[in-house]
Amino acid sequence: MNNILSFISNNFILTTIWLLLLNIIIFLIFKPFYLKARLINNFDAIKLINERNAKIVDTRSLELYNSGHIVNSIHIPLKNLSFKKIQELNLSTLNPIVLIIHSSQRNNKHINNFIDNGIKNVYILKNGIDSWSADNLPLIIKKPKSF
């Protein structure tokens, strides 16, 4: 014990760096256990849709939604997302929900709306529609009407 205290006092900066790195590693190990929603890639999203009948909820603006969205996705802009709107959708608490979030939106309060309504399986598509289209996966594009 005396050797450890002597080492710490002689190598304070090295010990501080070591403890900082240890804390970061511990945080990264336990972080997934405390997240309310998991980030998933395109492959996992497709697997959830096909195997567990996942519902896709697109929370981007109407303009972004019309510029390209996943087939059968439900459009609810983030500003309109509320308890009432989620209850109107009659989403099953057993089926997972995959959220499409614009890359500039990093808050988790909309995830809490789903969790508070009993939907426990909430996932977020990593990098949103950008990664979906980069992998050349199908998108529905609504073109503006011309007169």
N, C-alpha and C. Protein backbone atom coordinates (compact mmCIF):
# COMPACT_ATOMS: atom_id res chain seq x y z
N MET A 1 0.81 -1.18 0.00
CA MET A 1 0.00 0.00 0.00
C MET A 1 0.86 1.26 0.00
N ASN A 2 1.97 1.18 0.72
CA ASN A 2 2.88 2.30 0.80
C ASN A 2 3.49 2.58 -0.58
N ASN A 3 3.77 1.51 -1.35
CA ASN A 3 4.33 1.68 -2.69
C ASN A 3 3.35 2.37 -3.63
N ILE A 4 2.08 2.05 -3.50
CA ILE A 4 1.07 2.67 -4.37
C ILE A 4 0.97 4.16 -4.08
N LEU A 5 0.93 4.53 -2.81
CA LEU A 5 0.85 5.94 -2.45
C LEU A 5 2.09 6.70 -2.89
N SER A 6 3.23 6.06 -2.80
CA SER A 6 4.47 6.68 -3.24
C SER A 6 4.45 6.88 -4.76
N PHE A 7 3.95 5.88 -5.49
CA PHE A 7 3.87 5.99 -6.95
C PHE A 7 2.92 7.12 -7.34
N ILE A 8 1.76 7.20 -6.68
CA ILE A 8 0.78 8.24 -7.00
C ILE A 8 1.35 9.63 -6.73
N SER A 9 2.03 9.79 -5.63
CA SER A 9 2.58 11.12 -5.31
C SER A 9 3.72 11.50 -6.25
N ASN A 10 4.50 10.53 -6.71
CA ASN A 10 5.61 10.82 -7.63
C ASN A 10 5.14 10.98 -9.07
N ASN A 11 4.00 10.38 -9.42
CA ASN A 11 3.51 10.40 -10.80
C ASN A 11 2.05 10.87 -10.83
N PHE A 12 1.82 12.05 -10.31
CA PHE A 12 0.46 12.55 -10.17
C PHE A 12 -0.24 12.72 -11.52
N ILE A 13 0.43 13.28 -12.50
CA ILE A 13 -0.18 13.51 -13.82
C ILE A 13 -0.49 12.17 -14.50
N LEU A 14 0.42 11.24 -14.45
CA LEU A 14 0.20 9.92 -15.04
C LEU A 14 -0.98 9.22 -14.36
N THR A 15 -1.06 9.31 -13.05
CA THR A 15 -2.15 8.69 -12.30
C THR A 15 -3.49 9.35 -12.64
N THR A 16 -3.49 10.66 -12.78
CA THR A 16 -4.71 11.38 -13.14
C THR A 16 -5.21 10.97 -14.51
N ILE A 17 -4.30 10.88 -15.47
CA ILE A 17 -4.67 10.45 -16.82
C ILE A 17 -5.21 9.01 -16.79
N TRP A 18 -4.56 8.15 -16.04
CA TRP A 18 -5.00 6.76 -15.94
C TRP A 18 -6.41 6.67 -15.34
N LEU A 19 -6.68 7.43 -14.29
CA LEU A 19 -8.01 7.42 -13.67
C LEU A 19 -9.06 8.00 -14.60
N LEU A 20 -8.71 9.03 -15.35
CA LEU A 20 -9.63 9.61 -16.32
C LEU A 20 -10.00 8.59 -17.40
N LEU A 21 -9.00 7.91 -17.93
CA LEU A 21 -9.26 6.88 -18.95
C LEU A 21 -10.08 5.72 -18.38
N LEU A 22 -9.83 5.35 -17.16
CA LEU A 22 -10.61 4.29 -16.52
C LEU A 22 -12.07 4.70 -16.39
N ASN A 23 -12.32 5.95 -15.99
CA ASN A 23 -13.69 6.44 -15.90
C ASN A 23 -14.38 6.46 -17.26
N ILE A 24 -13.68 6.85 -18.31
CA ILE A 24 -14.26 6.87 -19.65
C ILE A 24 -14.62 5.46 -20.08
N ILE A 25 -13.75 4.50 -19.85
CA ILE A 25 -14.02 3.11 -20.22
C ILE A 25 -15.23 2.57 -19.46
N ILE A 26 -15.31 2.85 -18.18
CA ILE A 26 -16.45 2.40 -17.38
C ILE A 26 -17.74 3.04 -17.89
N PHE A 27 -17.69 4.32 -18.21
CA PHE A 27 -18.86 5.02 -18.74
C PHE A 27 -19.31 4.39 -20.05
N LEU A 28 -18.38 4.12 -20.96
CA LEU A 28 -18.74 3.55 -22.26
C LEU A 28 -19.28 2.13 -22.13
N ILE A 29 -18.84 1.40 -21.15
CA ILE A 29 -19.34 0.03 -20.95
C ILE A 29 -20.78 0.06 -20.45
N PHE A 30 -21.08 0.94 -19.51
CA PHE A 30 -22.41 0.94 -18.89
C PHE A 30 -23.41 1.88 -19.56
N LYS A 31 -22.97 2.70 -20.51
CA LYS A 31 -23.86 3.64 -21.18
C LYS A 31 -25.05 2.96 -21.85
N PRO A 32 -24.88 1.87 -22.59
CA PRO A 32 -26.05 1.24 -23.25
C PRO A 32 -27.14 0.78 -22.29
N PHE A 33 -26.80 0.49 -21.06
CA PHE A 33 -27.80 0.03 -20.10
C PHE A 33 -28.73 1.15 -19.64
N TYR A 34 -28.29 2.40 -19.79
CA TYR A 34 -29.08 3.52 -19.32
C TYR A 34 -29.74 4.32 -20.44
N LEU A 35 -29.47 3.96 -21.68
CA LEU A 35 -30.09 4.67 -22.80
C LEU A 35 -31.55 4.25 -22.92
N LYS A 36 -32.40 5.19 -23.21
CA LYS A 36 -33.82 4.88 -23.39
C LYS A 36 -34.09 4.38 -24.80
N ALA A 37 -33.29 4.76 -25.75
CA ALA A 37 -33.45 4.33 -27.13
C ALA A 37 -32.09 3.91 -27.66
N ARG A 38 -32.10 2.92 -28.51
CA ARG A 38 -30.85 2.43 -29.09
C ARG A 38 -30.66 2.96 -30.49
N LEU A 39 -29.44 3.30 -30.83
CA LEU A 39 -29.11 3.66 -32.20
C LEU A 39 -28.93 2.37 -32.99
N ILE A 40 -29.56 2.29 -34.16
CA ILE A 40 -29.42 1.10 -34.99
C ILE A 40 -29.01 1.52 -36.39
N ASN A 41 -28.40 0.60 -37.11
CA ASN A 41 -28.00 0.87 -38.49
C ASN A 41 -29.12 0.42 -39.43
N ASN A 42 -28.91 0.59 -40.72
CA ASN A 42 -29.93 0.27 -41.71
C ASN A 42 -30.28 -1.21 -41.70
N PHE A 43 -29.28 -2.07 -41.58
CA PHE A 43 -29.51 -3.51 -41.57
C PHE A 43 -30.42 -3.90 -40.42
N ASP A 44 -30.15 -3.36 -39.22
CA ASP A 44 -30.98 -3.67 -38.05
C ASP A 44 -32.40 -3.13 -38.22
N ALA A 45 -32.53 -1.96 -38.84
CA ALA A 45 -33.87 -1.39 -39.07
C ALA A 45 -34.67 -2.27 -40.01
N ILE A 46 -34.06 -2.72 -41.08
CA ILE A 46 -34.74 -3.61 -42.03
C ILE A 46 -35.14 -4.92 -41.35
N LYS A 47 -34.26 -5.43 -40.52
CA LYS A 47 -34.55 -6.66 -39.78
C LYS A 47 -35.74 -6.46 -38.84
N LEU A 48 -35.79 -5.33 -38.14
CA LEU A 48 -36.92 -5.03 -37.26
C LEU A 48 -38.23 -4.88 -38.04
N ILE A 49 -38.16 -4.24 -39.18
CA ILE A 49 -39.36 -4.06 -40.01
C ILE A 49 -39.88 -5.41 -40.49
N ASN A 50 -39.00 -6.25 -40.98
CA ASN A 50 -39.41 -7.53 -41.56
C ASN A 50 -39.79 -8.57 -40.52
N GLU A 51 -39.05 -8.65 -39.43
CA GLU A 51 -39.26 -9.73 -38.47
C GLU A 51 -40.19 -9.36 -37.32
N ARG A 52 -40.19 -8.10 -36.91
CA ARG A 52 -40.97 -7.73 -35.73
C ARG A 52 -42.02 -6.67 -36.03
N ASN A 53 -42.27 -6.42 -37.32
CA ASN A 53 -43.31 -5.48 -37.74
C ASN A 53 -43.12 -4.10 -37.12
N ALA A 54 -41.90 -3.61 -37.18
CA ALA A 54 -41.59 -2.29 -36.62
C ALA A 54 -42.28 -1.20 -37.42
N LYS A 55 -42.67 -0.15 -36.73
CA LYS A 55 -43.27 1.02 -37.36
C LYS A 55 -42.21 2.10 -37.48
N ILE A 56 -42.20 2.78 -38.61
CA ILE A 56 -41.25 3.85 -38.86
C ILE A 56 -41.97 5.18 -38.61
N VAL A 57 -41.42 6.00 -37.72
CA VAL A 57 -41.98 7.32 -37.44
C VAL A 57 -40.93 8.36 -37.83
N ASP A 58 -41.28 9.16 -38.82
CA ASP A 58 -40.38 10.19 -39.35
C ASP A 58 -40.72 11.51 -38.68
N THR A 59 -39.79 12.05 -37.91
CA THR A 59 -40.04 13.29 -37.16
C THR A 59 -39.46 14.53 -37.83
N ARG A 60 -39.04 14.39 -39.08
CA ARG A 60 -38.45 15.54 -39.78
C ARG A 60 -39.54 16.48 -40.28
N SER A 61 -39.14 17.62 -40.79
CA SER A 61 -40.10 18.60 -41.30
C SER A 61 -40.79 18.04 -42.55
N LEU A 62 -41.90 18.65 -42.94
CA LEU A 62 -42.66 18.19 -44.10
C LEU A 62 -41.83 18.28 -45.37
N GLU A 63 -41.03 19.33 -45.51
CA GLU A 63 -40.19 19.48 -46.70
C GLU A 63 -39.19 18.34 -46.81
N LEU A 64 -38.54 18.01 -45.69
CA LEU A 64 -37.57 16.91 -45.70
C LEU A 64 -38.27 15.58 -45.93
N TYR A 65 -39.44 15.41 -45.33
CA TYR A 65 -40.21 14.18 -45.50
C TYR A 65 -40.58 13.99 -46.97
N ASN A 66 -41.05 15.05 -47.63
CA ASN A 66 -41.43 14.96 -49.04
C ASN A 66 -40.23 14.78 -49.96
N SER A 67 -39.06 15.19 -49.50
CA SER A 67 -37.86 15.01 -50.35
C SER A 67 -37.36 13.57 -50.33
N GLY A 68 -37.89 12.76 -49.44
CA GLY A 68 -37.54 11.34 -49.42
C GLY A 68 -37.82 10.72 -48.07
N HIS A 69 -38.67 9.67 -48.06
CA HIS A 69 -38.98 8.98 -46.81
C HIS A 69 -39.10 7.48 -47.07
N ILE A 70 -39.00 6.72 -46.01
CA ILE A 70 -39.07 5.26 -46.09
C ILE A 70 -40.51 4.85 -46.35
N VAL A 71 -40.68 3.80 -47.11
CA VAL A 71 -42.00 3.28 -47.44
C VAL A 71 -42.79 2.97 -46.16
N ASN A 72 -44.06 3.36 -46.14
CA ASN A 72 -44.99 3.14 -45.03
C ASN A 72 -44.58 3.84 -43.73
N SER A 73 -43.75 4.86 -43.83
CA SER A 73 -43.39 5.60 -42.61
C SER A 73 -44.52 6.56 -42.24
N ILE A 74 -44.64 6.81 -40.95
CA ILE A 74 -45.65 7.72 -40.43
C ILE A 74 -44.96 9.05 -40.19
N HIS A 75 -45.54 10.12 -40.74
CA HIS A 75 -44.91 11.43 -40.59
C HIS A 75 -45.55 12.20 -39.44
N ILE A 76 -44.76 12.49 -38.44
CA ILE A 76 -45.17 13.36 -37.33
C ILE A 76 -44.02 14.32 -37.10
N PRO A 77 -44.15 15.57 -37.52
CA PRO A 77 -43.07 16.53 -37.26
C PRO A 77 -42.79 16.64 -35.77
N LEU A 78 -41.56 16.84 -35.44
CA LEU A 78 -41.14 16.90 -34.05
C LEU A 78 -41.93 17.93 -33.25
N LYS A 79 -42.26 19.06 -33.88
CA LYS A 79 -43.00 20.09 -33.16
C LYS A 79 -44.44 19.67 -32.86
N ASN A 80 -44.98 18.68 -33.60
CA ASN A 80 -46.35 18.20 -33.38
C ASN A 80 -46.40 16.93 -32.55
N LEU A 81 -45.25 16.42 -32.15
CA LEU A 81 -45.22 15.17 -31.40
C LEU A 81 -45.68 15.41 -29.97
N SER A 82 -46.74 14.70 -29.59
CA SER A 82 -47.30 14.88 -28.24
C SER A 82 -47.91 13.56 -27.78
N PHE A 83 -48.31 13.54 -26.52
CA PHE A 83 -48.97 12.35 -25.97
C PHE A 83 -50.22 12.01 -26.77
N LYS A 84 -51.01 13.04 -27.07
CA LYS A 84 -52.27 12.83 -27.77
C LYS A 84 -52.03 12.24 -29.16
N LYS A 85 -51.04 12.77 -29.88
CA LYS A 85 -50.74 12.30 -31.23
C LYS A 85 -50.28 10.85 -31.21
N ILE A 86 -49.47 10.49 -30.23
CA ILE A 86 -48.99 9.12 -30.12
C ILE A 86 -50.14 8.17 -29.80
N GLN A 87 -51.05 8.61 -28.93
CA GLN A 87 -52.20 7.77 -28.59
C GLN A 87 -53.14 7.62 -29.78
N GLU A 88 -53.26 8.65 -30.62
CA GLU A 88 -54.10 8.57 -31.81
C GLU A 88 -53.57 7.54 -32.80
N LEU A 89 -52.27 7.32 -32.82
CA LEU A 89 -51.68 6.37 -33.76
C LEU A 89 -52.00 4.92 -33.40
N ASN A 90 -52.40 4.68 -32.15
CA ASN A 90 -52.70 3.32 -31.69
C ASN A 90 -51.55 2.36 -31.96
N LEU A 91 -50.36 2.79 -31.64
CA LEU A 91 -49.19 1.94 -31.84
C LEU A 91 -49.17 0.85 -30.79
N SER A 92 -48.87 -0.35 -31.21
CA SER A 92 -48.79 -1.47 -30.27
C SER A 92 -47.56 -1.30 -29.39
N THR A 93 -47.72 -1.63 -28.11
CA THR A 93 -46.57 -1.54 -27.21
C THR A 93 -45.60 -2.69 -27.43
N LEU A 94 -46.02 -3.71 -28.17
CA LEU A 94 -45.15 -4.85 -28.44
C LEU A 94 -44.26 -4.62 -29.66
N ASN A 95 -44.76 -3.86 -30.63
CA ASN A 95 -43.99 -3.61 -31.84
C ASN A 95 -42.96 -2.51 -31.62
N PRO A 96 -41.77 -2.70 -32.15
CA PRO A 96 -40.76 -1.64 -32.01
C PRO A 96 -41.08 -0.43 -32.88
N ILE A 97 -40.56 0.71 -32.48
CA ILE A 97 -40.70 1.97 -33.21
C ILE A 97 -39.30 2.40 -33.63
N VAL A 98 -39.14 2.71 -34.91
CA VAL A 98 -37.87 3.23 -35.42
C VAL A 98 -38.10 4.70 -35.76
N LEU A 99 -37.39 5.57 -35.08
CA LEU A 99 -37.52 7.01 -35.30
C LEU A 99 -36.51 7.50 -36.32
N ILE A 100 -36.99 8.32 -37.23
CA ILE A 100 -36.11 9.00 -38.19
C ILE A 100 -36.01 10.44 -37.69
N ILE A 101 -34.83 10.83 -37.29
CA ILE A 101 -34.61 12.16 -36.72
C ILE A 101 -33.61 12.90 -37.60
N HIS A 102 -33.89 14.17 -37.84
CA HIS A 102 -32.95 14.99 -38.62
C HIS A 102 -31.65 15.09 -37.85
N SER A 103 -30.55 15.09 -38.55
CA SER A 103 -29.23 15.04 -37.91
C SER A 103 -28.96 16.22 -36.99
N SER A 104 -29.65 17.34 -37.19
CA SER A 104 -29.40 18.51 -36.33
C SER A 104 -30.14 18.42 -35.00
N GLN A 105 -31.07 17.48 -34.88
CA GLN A 105 -31.85 17.34 -33.65
C GLN A 105 -31.22 16.27 -32.78
N ARG A 106 -30.71 16.65 -31.64
CA ARG A 106 -30.02 15.71 -30.76
C ARG A 106 -30.68 15.59 -29.39
N ASN A 107 -31.89 16.10 -29.21
CA ASN A 107 -32.52 15.99 -27.90
C ASN A 107 -33.34 14.71 -27.81
N ASN A 108 -33.54 14.24 -26.59
CA ASN A 108 -34.22 12.98 -26.37
C ASN A 108 -35.62 13.14 -25.79
N LYS A 109 -36.15 14.35 -25.73
CA LYS A 109 -37.45 14.50 -25.08
C LYS A 109 -38.57 13.86 -25.89
N HIS A 110 -38.45 13.77 -27.21
CA HIS A 110 -39.48 13.11 -28.01
C HIS A 110 -39.48 11.60 -27.79
N ILE A 111 -38.35 11.04 -27.45
CA ILE A 111 -38.28 9.61 -27.13
C ILE A 111 -39.07 9.35 -25.86
N ASN A 112 -39.00 10.25 -24.91
CA ASN A 112 -39.75 10.11 -23.66
C ASN A 112 -41.26 10.06 -23.91
N ASN A 113 -41.75 10.76 -24.96
CA ASN A 113 -43.17 10.70 -25.27
C ASN A 113 -43.60 9.28 -25.59
N PHE A 114 -42.79 8.55 -26.34
CA PHE A 114 -43.11 7.16 -26.68
C PHE A 114 -43.01 6.27 -25.45
N ILE A 115 -41.97 6.45 -24.68
CA ILE A 115 -41.75 5.60 -23.50
C ILE A 115 -42.84 5.84 -22.46
N ASP A 116 -43.26 7.09 -22.29
CA ASP A 116 -44.33 7.39 -21.34
C ASP A 116 -45.67 6.82 -21.76
N ASN A 117 -45.83 6.53 -23.05
CA ASN A 117 -47.06 5.91 -23.55
C ASN A 117 -46.97 4.39 -23.58
N GLY A 118 -45.96 3.82 -22.93
CA GLY A 118 -45.86 2.38 -22.82
C GLY A 118 -45.08 1.69 -23.92
N ILE A 119 -44.54 2.45 -24.85
CA ILE A 119 -43.76 1.86 -25.95
C ILE A 119 -42.31 1.79 -25.49
N LYS A 120 -41.86 0.58 -25.22
CA LYS A 120 -40.52 0.40 -24.64
C LYS A 120 -39.44 0.17 -25.69
N ASN A 121 -39.82 -0.34 -26.86
CA ASN A 121 -38.85 -0.67 -27.90
C ASN A 121 -38.70 0.48 -28.88
N VAL A 122 -37.97 1.50 -28.47
CA VAL A 122 -37.76 2.68 -29.31
C VAL A 122 -36.33 2.65 -29.83
N TYR A 123 -36.20 2.78 -31.14
CA TYR A 123 -34.90 2.77 -31.79
C TYR A 123 -34.77 4.03 -32.64
N ILE A 124 -33.54 4.47 -32.83
CA ILE A 124 -33.26 5.63 -33.67
C ILE A 124 -32.35 5.18 -34.80
N LEU A 125 -32.75 5.51 -36.03
CA LEU A 125 -31.94 5.15 -37.20
C LEU A 125 -30.69 6.02 -37.21
N LYS A 126 -29.56 5.38 -37.11
CA LYS A 126 -28.27 6.09 -37.06
C LYS A 126 -28.05 6.85 -38.36
N ASN A 127 -27.76 8.11 -38.28
CA ASN A 127 -27.52 9.02 -39.40
C ASN A 127 -28.76 9.23 -40.26
N GLY A 128 -29.91 8.79 -39.80
CA GLY A 128 -31.19 9.08 -40.44
C GLY A 128 -31.28 8.67 -41.90
N ILE A 129 -32.03 9.45 -42.65
CA ILE A 129 -32.28 9.16 -44.06
C ILE A 129 -31.00 9.29 -44.88
N ASP A 130 -30.04 10.07 -44.41
CA ASP A 130 -28.79 10.22 -45.16
C ASP A 130 -28.10 8.87 -45.36
N SER A 131 -28.01 8.07 -44.30
CA SER A 131 -27.36 6.77 -44.45
C SER A 131 -28.25 5.81 -45.21
N TRP A 132 -29.57 5.94 -45.07
CA TRP A 132 -30.51 5.09 -45.80
C TRP A 132 -30.35 5.29 -47.31
N SER A 133 -30.30 6.55 -47.73
CA SER A 133 -30.15 6.82 -49.16
C SER A 133 -28.73 6.54 -49.65
N ALA A 134 -27.74 6.69 -48.77
CA ALA A 134 -26.35 6.38 -49.16
C ALA A 134 -26.19 4.89 -49.45
N ASP A 135 -26.98 4.06 -48.79
CA ASP A 135 -26.94 2.61 -49.05
C ASP A 135 -27.87 2.21 -50.18
N ASN A 136 -28.42 3.20 -50.90
CA ASN A 136 -29.32 2.98 -52.03
C ASN A 136 -30.54 2.15 -51.66
N LEU A 137 -31.07 2.38 -50.49
CA LEU A 137 -32.30 1.72 -50.06
C LEU A 137 -33.49 2.54 -50.56
N PRO A 138 -34.65 1.91 -50.76
CA PRO A 138 -35.77 2.61 -51.41
C PRO A 138 -36.34 3.76 -50.58
N LEU A 139 -36.63 4.83 -51.28
CA LEU A 139 -37.26 6.01 -50.69
C LEU A 139 -38.45 6.42 -51.56
N ILE A 140 -39.46 6.98 -50.93
CA ILE A 140 -40.60 7.55 -51.64
C ILE A 140 -40.37 9.05 -51.69
N ILE A 141 -40.44 9.61 -52.88
CA ILE A 141 -40.23 11.05 -53.04
C ILE A 141 -41.50 11.66 -53.60
N LYS A 142 -42.05 12.65 -52.90
CA LYS A 142 -43.23 13.36 -53.37
C LYS A 142 -42.77 14.58 -54.11
N LYS A 143 -43.10 14.61 -55.37
CA LYS A 143 -42.74 15.77 -56.19
C LYS A 143 -43.83 16.82 -56.08
N PRO A 144 -43.45 18.09 -56.04
CA PRO A 144 -44.46 19.13 -55.96
C PRO A 144 -45.32 19.13 -57.23
N LYS A 145 -46.60 19.43 -57.05
CA LYS A 145 -47.52 19.47 -58.17
C LYS A 145 -47.24 20.70 -59.03
N SER A 146 -47.23 20.49 -60.33
CA SER A 146 -47.02 21.63 -61.24
C SER A 146 -48.32 21.90 -61.97
N PHE A 147 -48.60 23.17 -62.20
CA PHE A 147 -49.86 23.56 -62.84
C PHE A 147 -49.62 24.03 -64.24
